[in-house]
Protein backbone atom coordinates (compact mmCIF):
# COMPACT_ATOMS: atom_id res chain seq x y z
CA UNK A 1 0.07 -0.01 -0.04
CA UNK A 2 2.95 2.24 0.56
CA UNK A 3 3.37 5.10 -1.90
CA UNK A 4 5.61 4.41 -5.01
CA UNK A 5 8.50 5.86 -6.14
CA UNK A 6 7.86 9.36 -7.39
CA UNK A 7 9.41 9.26 -10.85
CA UNK A 8 10.50 12.49 -12.99
CA UNK A 9 8.12 13.59 -15.85
CA UNK A 10 8.95 13.54 -19.49
CA UNK A 11 7.10 14.24 -22.73
CA UNK A 12 5.16 11.45 -24.06
CA UNK A 13 4.96 9.86 -27.70
CA UNK A 14 0.84 10.78 -28.58
CA UNK A 15 -1.10 8.29 -30.31
CA UNK A 16 -2.22 4.87 -29.50
CA UNK A 17 -2.62 1.29 -31.05
CA UNK A 18 -4.84 -1.10 -30.13
CA UNK A 19 -3.44 -4.50 -30.53
CA UNK A 20 -5.40 -7.74 -30.58
CA UNK A 21 -3.15 -11.01 -30.16
CA UNK A 22 -3.85 -14.46 -30.55
CA UNK A 23 -2.31 -17.80 -29.77
CA UNK A 24 -0.35 -17.60 -33.15
CA UNK A 25 1.23 -14.31 -32.14
CA UNK A 26 2.11 -15.73 -28.51
CA UNK A 27 3.97 -18.70 -30.35
CA UNK A 28 5.90 -16.59 -32.51
CA UNK A 29 6.94 -13.97 -29.82
CA UNK A 30 9.58 -14.10 -27.19
CA UNK A 31 7.92 -14.68 -23.89
CA UNK A 32 6.75 -11.37 -21.92
CA UNK A 33 7.75 -8.64 -24.48
CA UNK A 34 5.76 -6.23 -22.86
CA UNK A 35 2.06 -6.01 -24.69
CA UNK A 36 3.43 -8.10 -27.47
CA UNK A 37 3.16 -11.23 -25.75
CA UNK A 38 -0.77 -11.15 -24.57
CA UNK A 39 -1.94 -14.43 -25.70
CA UNK A 40 0.55 -16.41 -23.23
CA UNK A 41 -0.90 -18.17 -20.19
CA UNK A 42 -1.79 -15.13 -17.59
CA UNK A 43 -1.39 -12.44 -20.09
CA UNK A 44 -4.23 -9.85 -21.25
CA UNK A 45 -5.89 -10.63 -24.69
CA UNK A 46 -5.94 -7.20 -25.76
CA UNK A 47 -3.55 -4.36 -24.64
CA UNK A 48 -3.15 -1.11 -25.42
CA UNK A 49 -0.03 0.61 -26.63
CA UNK A 50 1.31 3.68 -27.95
CA UNK A 51 2.01 3.76 -31.58
CA UNK A 52 5.29 5.07 -32.57
CA UNK A 53 8.95 4.08 -32.48
CA UNK A 54 8.62 3.26 -28.85
CA UNK A 55 5.72 2.50 -26.43
CA UNK A 56 4.99 4.77 -23.31
CA UNK A 57 8.46 6.36 -24.53
CA UNK A 58 9.71 9.76 -23.18
CA UNK A 59 11.41 12.57 -25.21
CA UNK A 60 13.36 14.29 -22.10
CA UNK A 61 15.54 12.52 -19.48
CA UNK A 62 14.99 12.69 -15.89
CA UNK A 63 17.84 13.43 -13.55
CA UNK A 64 20.37 14.25 -16.16
CA UNK A 65 19.86 10.77 -17.84
CA UNK A 66 20.03 10.19 -21.41
CA UNK A 67 16.65 9.69 -23.24
CA UNK A 68 14.95 6.08 -22.54
CA UNK A 69 12.37 4.62 -24.45
CA UNK A 70 10.14 1.38 -24.46
CA UNK A 71 10.40 -1.95 -25.96
CA UNK A 72 11.24 -0.39 -29.54
CA UNK A 73 14.12 1.10 -28.57
CA UNK A 74 15.35 -1.00 -25.71
CA UNK A 75 14.88 -3.93 -27.93
CA UNK A 76 13.56 -7.58 -26.74
CA UNK A 77 13.24 -7.78 -23.16
CA UNK A 78 14.80 -10.94 -21.67
CA UNK A 79 14.61 -13.06 -18.32
CA UNK A 80 17.43 -12.89 -16.33
CA UNK A 81 18.44 -16.64 -16.83
CA UNK A 82 18.11 -15.89 -20.66
CA UNK A 83 21.13 -13.25 -20.05
CA UNK A 84 23.44 -15.78 -18.74
CA UNK A 85 22.89 -14.94 -14.97
CA UNK A 86 22.17 -18.01 -12.81
CA UNK A 87 20.39 -17.31 -9.84
CA UNK A 88 20.94 -20.24 -6.68
CA UNK A 89 21.95 -24.03 -7.31
CA UNK A 90 18.52 -25.69 -8.24
CA UNK A 91 17.13 -26.22 -11.53
CA UNK A 92 14.21 -24.36 -12.46
CA UNK A 93 11.00 -26.07 -13.91
CA UNK A 94 10.24 -26.17 -17.50
CA UNK A 95 8.38 -22.86 -17.82
CA UNK A 96 10.80 -21.46 -14.96
CA UNK A 97 7.13 -19.95 -13.72
CA UNK A 98 4.55 -20.46 -10.89
CA UNK A 99 2.36 -22.45 -13.31
CA UNK A 100 5.14 -25.46 -13.37
CA UNK A 101 3.43 -26.40 -10.33
CA UNK A 102 0.70 -28.75 -11.84
CA UNK A 103 -2.68 -27.25 -11.72
CA UNK A 104 -1.50 -23.86 -11.09
CA UNK A 105 -3.02 -21.16 -13.42
CA UNK A 106 -2.81 -17.46 -14.04
CA UNK A 107 -4.78 -14.69 -15.59
CA UNK A 108 -4.18 -11.14 -16.15
CA UNK A 109 -5.67 -7.98 -17.52
CA UNK A 110 -3.79 -5.08 -18.34
CA UNK A 111 -5.62 -1.49 -18.43
CA UNK A 112 -3.23 0.92 -20.65
CA UNK A 113 -4.54 3.85 -21.91
CA UNK A 114 -4.57 7.33 -22.07
CA UNK A 115 -1.63 10.10 -21.95
CA UNK A 116 -0.78 13.28 -20.83
CA UNK A 117 -1.94 15.53 -17.58
CA UNK A 118 -3.58 13.60 -14.92
CA UNK A 119 -7.60 14.06 -14.91
CA UNK A 120 -8.75 12.52 -11.87
CA UNK A 121 -11.28 9.62 -12.72
CA UNK A 122 -10.37 9.40 -16.47
CA UNK A 123 -6.69 8.88 -16.65
CA UNK A 124 -3.88 8.27 -17.85
CA UNK A 125 -4.68 4.37 -16.71
CA UNK A 126 -1.69 2.27 -15.92
CA UNK A 127 -2.98 -0.55 -14.04
CA UNK A 128 -4.72 -4.08 -14.18
CA UNK A 129 -5.43 -7.18 -12.38
CA UNK A 130 -3.77 -10.44 -11.75
CA UNK A 131 -5.58 -13.88 -10.57
CA UNK A 132 -3.84 -16.90 -9.55
CA UNK A 133 -5.97 -20.54 -9.12
CA UNK A 134 -4.25 -22.97 -7.06
CA UNK A 135 -5.84 -25.73 -9.27
CA UNK A 136 -7.99 -26.45 -12.18
CA UNK A 137 -10.88 -28.15 -10.16
CA UNK A 138 -13.23 -27.02 -7.73
CA UNK A 139 -11.49 -24.51 -5.45
CA UNK A 140 -14.67 -24.19 -2.98
CA UNK A 141 -14.95 -27.63 -2.30
CA UNK A 142 -11.48 -28.95 -2.56
CA UNK A 143 -9.52 -26.28 -0.54
CA UNK A 144 -5.58 -26.21 -0.39
CA UNK A 145 -3.68 -25.78 2.75
CA UNK A 146 -2.20 -22.14 2.92
CA UNK A 147 -1.03 -19.36 5.08
CA UNK A 148 0.14 -16.05 5.22
CA UNK A 149 3.08 -14.07 6.49
CA UNK A 150 3.81 -10.31 6.80
CA UNK A 151 7.26 -9.01 6.84
CA UNK A 152 5.89 -5.44 6.82
CA UNK A 153 1.92 -4.29 7.26
CA UNK A 154 1.71 -1.07 5.62
CA UNK A 155 -0.36 -3.02 2.71
CA UNK A 156 -3.26 -5.32 2.97
CA UNK A 157 -4.33 -8.84 1.57
CA UNK A 158 -8.13 -9.24 2.32
CA UNK A 159 -9.26 -12.64 3.58
CA UNK A 160 -5.54 -13.33 5.29
CA UNK A 161 -7.37 -13.65 9.16
CA UNK A 162 -9.49 -16.43 7.63
CA UNK A 163 -6.78 -18.18 5.69
CA UNK A 164 -4.76 -18.21 8.88
CA UNK A 165 -7.76 -19.30 11.04
CA UNK A 166 -8.85 -22.18 8.58
CA UNK A 167 -5.68 -22.78 7.56
CA UNK A 168 -6.55 -23.21 4.00
CA UNK A 169 -7.44 -21.27 0.85
CA UNK A 170 -10.98 -21.56 -0.78
CA UNK A 171 -10.87 -18.81 -3.43
CA UNK A 172 -8.68 -17.39 -6.23
CA UNK A 173 -5.83 -15.15 -5.26
CA UNK A 174 -6.19 -11.51 -7.01
CA UNK A 175 -3.62 -9.16 -7.17
CA UNK A 176 -4.27 -5.15 -7.85
CA UNK A 177 -3.63 -1.77 -6.57
CA UNK A 178 -4.68 -0.23 -3.32
CA UNK A 179 -7.63 1.75 -4.37
CA UNK A 180 -9.19 -0.89 -6.56
CA UNK A 181 -9.18 -3.59 -3.71
CA UNK A 182 -12.95 -3.17 -3.26
CA UNK A 183 -13.87 -3.34 -6.94
CA UNK A 184 -11.59 -6.25 -7.22
CA UNK A 185 -13.29 -7.97 -4.01
CA UNK A 186 -16.91 -7.45 -5.64
CA UNK A 187 -15.51 -9.18 -8.92
CA UNK A 188 -14.35 -12.34 -6.91
CA UNK A 189 -17.91 -12.58 -5.17
CA UNK A 190 -19.59 -12.05 -8.77
CA UNK A 191 -17.74 -15.00 -9.97
CA UNK A 192 -18.06 -16.94 -6.68
CA UNK A 193 -22.26 -16.49 -6.94
CA UNK A 194 -22.54 -17.01 -10.66
CA UNK A 195 -20.42 -20.32 -9.92
CA UNK A 196 -21.95 -21.24 -6.87
CA UNK A 197 -25.91 -20.07 -6.78
CA UNK A 198 -26.30 -21.15 -3.19
CA UNK A 199 -23.61 -18.80 -1.76
CA UNK A 200 -25.30 -16.77 0.92
CA UNK A 201 -28.71 -18.73 0.94
CA UNK A 202 -27.91 -22.24 1.83
CA UNK A 203 -23.94 -22.70 1.27
CA UNK A 204 -21.44 -20.41 3.22
CA UNK A 205 -20.65 -16.69 2.41
CA UNK A 206 -17.17 -16.22 0.40
CA UNK A 207 -14.36 -14.07 1.70
CA UNK A 208 -12.18 -12.72 -1.25
CA UNK A 209 -8.44 -12.93 -0.93
CA UNK A 210 -7.41 -9.88 -2.99
CA UNK A 211 -3.58 -8.04 -2.22
CA UNK A 212 -2.69 -4.73 -3.39
CA UNK A 213 0.54 -2.29 -4.18
CA UNK A 214 -0.03 1.44 -4.60
CA UNK A 215 0.76 2.39 -8.51
CA UNK A 216 -0.52 5.96 -8.25
CA UNK A 217 2.89 7.21 -9.73
CA UNK A 218 1.96 6.06 -12.98
CA UNK A 219 -1.80 5.47 -12.98
CA UNK A 220 -4.98 7.62 -12.14
CA UNK A 221 -5.81 5.76 -8.58
CA UNK A 222 -8.74 7.93 -7.92
CA UNK A 223 -10.34 6.45 -11.46
CA UNK A 224 -10.66 2.88 -9.82
CA UNK A 225 -10.11 1.68 -13.43
CA UNK A 226 -10.10 -2.21 -12.75
CA UNK A 227 -13.94 -3.09 -12.71
CA UNK A 228 -15.42 -6.49 -11.30
CA UNK A 229 -15.93 -7.70 -14.93
CA UNK A 230 -11.73 -7.18 -15.31
CA UNK A 231 -11.55 -9.15 -12.50
CA UNK A 232 -14.18 -11.89 -13.51
CA UNK A 233 -12.32 -11.88 -16.81
CA UNK A 234 -8.96 -12.58 -15.10
CA UNK A 235 -10.09 -15.40 -13.29
CA UNK A 236 -12.25 -16.95 -16.26
CA UNK A 237 -9.11 -16.61 -18.74
CA UNK A 238 -6.48 -18.07 -16.02
CA UNK A 239 -4.47 -20.72 -17.69
CA UNK A 240 -1.54 -22.92 -17.23
CA UNK A 241 1.62 -22.40 -19.25
CA UNK A 242 3.86 -19.33 -19.87
CA UNK A 243 3.20 -16.15 -17.72
CA UNK A 244 3.58 -12.79 -18.95
CA UNK A 245 5.85 -10.67 -16.81
CA UNK A 246 6.74 -7.03 -16.39
CA UNK A 247 4.46 -3.79 -17.00
CA UNK A 248 0.90 -6.40 -17.06
CA UNK A 249 -1.94 -7.34 -14.89
CA UNK A 250 -1.45 -5.80 -11.81
CA UNK A 251 2.17 -5.18 -12.36
CA UNK A 252 1.16 -2.65 -15.16
CA UNK A 253 2.09 0.61 -13.21
CA UNK A 254 4.41 -0.72 -10.70
CA UNK A 255 7.91 0.13 -10.04
CA UNK A 256 10.77 -1.54 -8.25
CA UNK A 257 14.40 -0.12 -7.27
CA UNK A 258 13.19 2.76 -8.98
CA UNK A 259 13.27 1.34 -12.37
CA UNK A 260 10.04 -0.44 -14.18
CA UNK A 261 8.89 -3.60 -12.07
CA UNK A 262 5.80 -5.29 -12.01
CA UNK A 263 4.88 -9.39 -12.31
CA UNK A 264 7.82 -11.76 -12.31
CA UNK A 265 8.00 -15.30 -11.78
CA UNK A 266 10.17 -18.26 -11.51
CA UNK A 267 10.18 -22.11 -10.20
CA UNK A 268 12.45 -24.54 -8.53
CA UNK A 269 12.40 -28.32 -8.85
CA UNK A 270 13.92 -30.83 -6.25
CA UNK A 271 16.29 -33.50 -6.74
CA UNK A 272 14.36 -36.90 -6.62
CA UNK A 273 16.37 -37.71 -3.35
CA UNK A 274 14.69 -34.53 -1.80
CA UNK A 275 11.17 -35.56 -3.09
CA UNK A 276 11.29 -34.26 -6.47
CA UNK A 277 9.10 -31.35 -5.78
CA UNK A 278 8.31 -28.10 -7.44
CA UNK A 279 8.22 -24.72 -6.01
CA UNK A 280 6.69 -21.85 -7.88
CA UNK A 281 6.79 -18.06 -7.00
CA UNK A 282 4.81 -15.24 -8.56
CA UNK A 283 5.47 -11.58 -7.37
CA UNK A 284 4.36 -8.12 -7.89
CA UNK A 285 7.44 -6.06 -7.21
CA UNK A 286 6.94 -2.44 -6.26
CA UNK A 287 9.62 -1.76 -3.97
CA UNK A 288 13.24 -1.21 -3.30
CA UNK A 289 15.73 1.83 -3.79
CA UNK A 290 18.25 2.15 -6.49
CA UNK A 291 21.18 2.14 -4.37
CA UNK A 292 20.47 -1.29 -2.93
CA UNK A 293 19.45 -3.39 -5.96
CA UNK A 294 22.01 -6.23 -6.27
CA UNK A 295 21.55 -9.20 -8.80
CA UNK A 296 23.37 -12.63 -7.61
CA UNK A 297 25.42 -10.39 -5.19
CA UNK A 298 26.45 -7.73 -7.35
CA UNK A 299 25.91 -4.02 -6.52
CA UNK A 300 23.94 -3.57 -9.96
CA UNK A 301 22.10 -0.42 -8.43
CA UNK A 302 24.92 1.59 -7.60
CA UNK A 303 26.44 1.19 -11.07
CA UNK A 304 23.55 2.67 -12.46
CA UNK A 305 23.08 6.09 -11.20
CA UNK A 306 20.93 7.77 -14.06
CA UNK A 307 17.49 6.72 -15.32
CA UNK A 308 16.38 8.05 -12.01
CA UNK A 309 12.98 9.30 -10.80
CA UNK A 310 12.90 12.68 -9.04
CA UNK A 311 11.56 11.27 -6.00
CA UNK A 312 11.95 7.95 -3.52
CA UNK A 313 9.54 6.78 -0.92
CA UNK A 314 8.54 3.18 0.10
CA UNK A 315 7.37 0.79 -1.73
CA UNK A 316 5.56 -2.79 -1.66
CA UNK A 317 5.58 -6.13 -2.63
CA UNK A 318 3.36 -9.36 -3.14
CA UNK A 319 4.85 -12.92 -3.01
CA UNK A 320 2.91 -15.97 -3.74
CA UNK A 321 4.19 -19.32 -3.06
CA UNK A 322 2.95 -22.44 -4.83
CA UNK A 323 4.46 -26.10 -4.37
CA UNK A 324 3.32 -29.43 -5.11
CA UNK A 325 5.14 -30.45 -1.68
CA UNK A 326 2.61 -31.89 0.94
CA UNK A 327 2.58 -29.21 3.72
CA UNK A 328 0.04 -28.32 6.42
CA UNK A 329 -0.69 -24.53 7.45
CA UNK A 330 2.13 -24.36 10.22
CA UNK A 331 4.97 -25.73 7.56
CA UNK A 332 3.38 -23.42 5.00
CA UNK A 333 3.76 -20.63 7.57
CA UNK A 334 7.25 -21.55 7.86
CA UNK A 335 7.59 -21.77 4.13
CA UNK A 336 6.06 -18.27 3.61
CA UNK A 337 8.34 -16.55 5.99
CA UNK A 338 11.73 -17.77 4.28
CA UNK A 339 10.47 -15.62 1.24
CA UNK A 340 11.83 -12.80 2.88
CA UNK A 341 15.22 -13.96 2.29
CA UNK A 342 14.97 -14.30 -1.45
CA UNK A 343 13.87 -10.71 -1.12
CA UNK A 344 16.57 -9.46 0.79
CA UNK A 345 19.08 -10.80 -1.76
CA UNK A 346 17.93 -8.47 -4.11
CA UNK A 347 18.75 -5.68 -1.70
CA UNK A 348 15.62 -4.63 -0.34
CA UNK A 349 15.28 -3.93 3.55
CA UNK A 350 11.69 -4.14 4.18
CA UNK A 351 10.88 -0.40 4.88
CA UNK A 352 8.59 0.92 7.88
CA UNK A 353 6.38 2.34 5.01
CA UNK A 354 6.50 -0.79 2.95
CA UNK A 355 3.73 -3.91 2.32
CA UNK A 356 5.89 -6.99 2.16
CA UNK A 357 3.34 -9.89 2.33
CA UNK A 358 3.49 -13.44 1.55
CA UNK A 359 0.93 -16.10 0.72
CA UNK A 360 2.08 -19.61 0.52
CA UNK A 361 0.06 -22.94 -0.47
CA UNK A 362 0.24 -26.35 -1.29
CA UNK A 363 -1.57 -28.66 -3.84
CA UNK A 364 0.04 -31.89 -2.30
CA UNK A 365 -3.40 -32.04 0.02
CA UNK A 366 -6.83 -31.13 -0.47
CA UNK A 367 -9.14 -29.80 2.63
CA UNK A 368 -12.75 -30.91 2.28
CA UNK A 369 -15.03 -27.81 2.71
CA UNK A 370 -17.91 -29.80 3.89
CA UNK A 371 -16.52 -33.36 5.13
CA UNK A 372 -19.01 -35.98 6.12
CA UNK A 373 -16.68 -38.35 8.38
CA UNK A 374 -15.66 -36.89 11.56
CA UNK A 375 -11.94 -36.60 10.37
CA UNK A 376 -9.63 -36.16 6.89
CA UNK A 377 -6.21 -37.03 6.44
CA UNK A 378 -3.40 -34.83 5.37
CA UNK A 379 -0.18 -35.76 4.46
CA UNK A 380 3.31 -33.64 5.53
CA UNK A 381 6.96 -33.78 4.77
CA UNK A 382 8.99 -34.37 8.20
CA UNK A 383 10.54 -31.36 9.21
CA UNK A 384 13.89 -32.68 8.81
CA UNK A 385 13.32 -32.53 5.00
CA UNK A 386 12.05 -28.99 4.77
CA UNK A 387 15.57 -27.21 3.98
CA UNK A 388 15.46 -28.28 0.36
CA UNK A 389 11.99 -26.87 -0.10
CA UNK A 390 12.57 -23.58 1.80
CA UNK A 391 15.78 -23.16 -0.51
CA UNK A 392 14.17 -23.48 -3.59
CA UNK A 393 11.38 -20.90 -2.23
CA UNK A 394 14.44 -18.42 -1.54
CA UNK A 395 15.95 -19.06 -5.10
CA UNK A 396 12.68 -18.41 -6.61
CA UNK A 397 11.79 -15.53 -5.00
CA UNK A 398 15.13 -14.05 -5.71
CA UNK A 399 14.86 -14.84 -9.57
CA UNK A 400 10.98 -13.63 -9.96
CA UNK A 401 11.83 -10.18 -8.50
CA UNK A 402 14.84 -10.18 -11.15
CA UNK A 403 12.71 -11.33 -14.14
CA UNK A 404 9.83 -8.52 -13.05
CA UNK A 405 12.87 -6.20 -13.69
CA UNK A 406 14.59 -7.59 -16.87
CA UNK A 407 10.90 -8.12 -18.59
CA UNK A 408 9.50 -4.88 -17.99
CA UNK A 409 9.32 -1.98 -20.30
CA UNK A 410 10.10 1.79 -19.88
CA UNK A 411 6.47 3.04 -19.24
CA UNK A 412 5.24 6.89 -19.09
CA UNK A 413 2.16 7.49 -17.07
CA UNK A 414 0.08 10.23 -15.68
CA UNK A 415 1.64 13.80 -16.04
CA UNK A 416 4.38 12.43 -17.94
CA UNK A 417 5.81 10.71 -15.00
CA UNK A 418 8.09 7.68 -16.05
CA UNK A 419 9.67 4.32 -14.86
CA UNK A 420 12.56 3.24 -17.02
CA UNK A 421 13.31 -0.14 -17.50
CA UNK A 422 16.38 -1.52 -16.32
CA UNK A 423 19.03 -1.23 -19.43
CA UNK A 424 19.78 -5.10 -20.12
CA UNK A 425 22.89 -4.22 -22.05
CA UNK A 426 24.29 -2.47 -18.90
CA UNK A 427 23.14 -5.29 -16.72
CA UNK A 428 25.48 -7.61 -18.82
CA UNK A 429 28.28 -5.37 -18.66
CA UNK A 430 28.19 -5.03 -14.77
CA UNK A 431 28.05 -8.74 -14.47
CA UNK A 432 31.11 -9.24 -16.72
CA UNK A 433 32.78 -6.67 -14.53
CA UNK A 434 32.12 -8.49 -11.59
CA UNK A 435 33.11 -11.90 -13.06
CA UNK A 436 29.93 -13.17 -13.19
CA UNK A 437 29.56 -13.86 -16.88
CA UNK A 438 32.05 -14.92 -19.06
CA UNK A 439 34.70 -12.49 -20.62
CA UNK A 440 34.73 -10.54 -17.35
CA UNK A 441 37.16 -9.89 -14.41
CA UNK A 442 38.59 -13.19 -12.72
CA UNK A 443 36.84 -13.93 -9.38
CA UNK A 444 37.96 -11.33 -6.55
CA UNK A 445 39.06 -8.68 -9.03
CA UNK A 446 36.62 -6.17 -8.24
């Protein structure tokens, strides 16, 4: 919920082009290149970008920085692993995404329209909604064990008290901006009542799970532009498969380490001797100060002093952890708490004004909504075998945050406020300088 970094303003290229993207384009395009990969699972099927050489490009630099532009001039965005930067020791899943956990689905709706001066209630609009479904079955009738963890609480995740009371999750997880929580909750209720007509009559009432970060630096937050219908669409269009990252869905207006941030995801698969379990993470990254940014331990943020916003205030992050390891509420609570270590490796200190909130769930068990027998059974991993799962989550969290940074494109929002993308050529050069990539300095030659 904490207010975002306040970036420098700049001129905005006028004109817009609506692009409708189908599955064929998704197969042809590199994963997650901003709005051009909308047909990927978890990506919007319609997005709006500025026409011209670069989407939402800036004509004047901020804080003495050279002019920066969007995907057109930056070139294709790439995930951190595709740049040759390997985080941690464990192997990722086939997609290196939260959807590597079998059954997990992601849906996103991106709202990106309008330019220029803020007109409260009208735009410009740089926001959206992201939905995460733990499995493709009947989540209401077959809950999954779950737990939440709050590193710093200047933020909100509705339904968290009920999750931690019953130790389970029975609704989709929704991510959006701070002031849109109410409308997204309305959308969840609308979806659930449509699917379960007896809710609130002969069935239980529903408590939605919606988590937020503040995108008001780039977005017209007072416009409450994410509707209940957008929420229903994100849930209904959620799919398995690749997940679009960066400035998409709930991440459209987010910033991270004073670069453009947003949605990022990653996964890890344990060796067979450790259970062969999969752990996947999805983040909405909206936190961090530039000087603190570290990539695989390298102080990247200190090396890039330009492309800076004019102001810096605390931000937030939502971390969603999925695993097929059979865990109960208590062990998931412990797992959720470890996500903070992956976050810390990228440089975030969890400021007083930040909302750093984690939700972890396991698909390895089911919790019946209305069990007829007196008891039901859960299988759980023994405590002595939890360490590899903890490591997997920490590595996946770190990489998911970095993917949010490397996949996001420069975005100009309201009043010309601009979030610049992390320059990938500079990142690669810095990693070589510190000996993390071939052709760089020998280890220890700093």
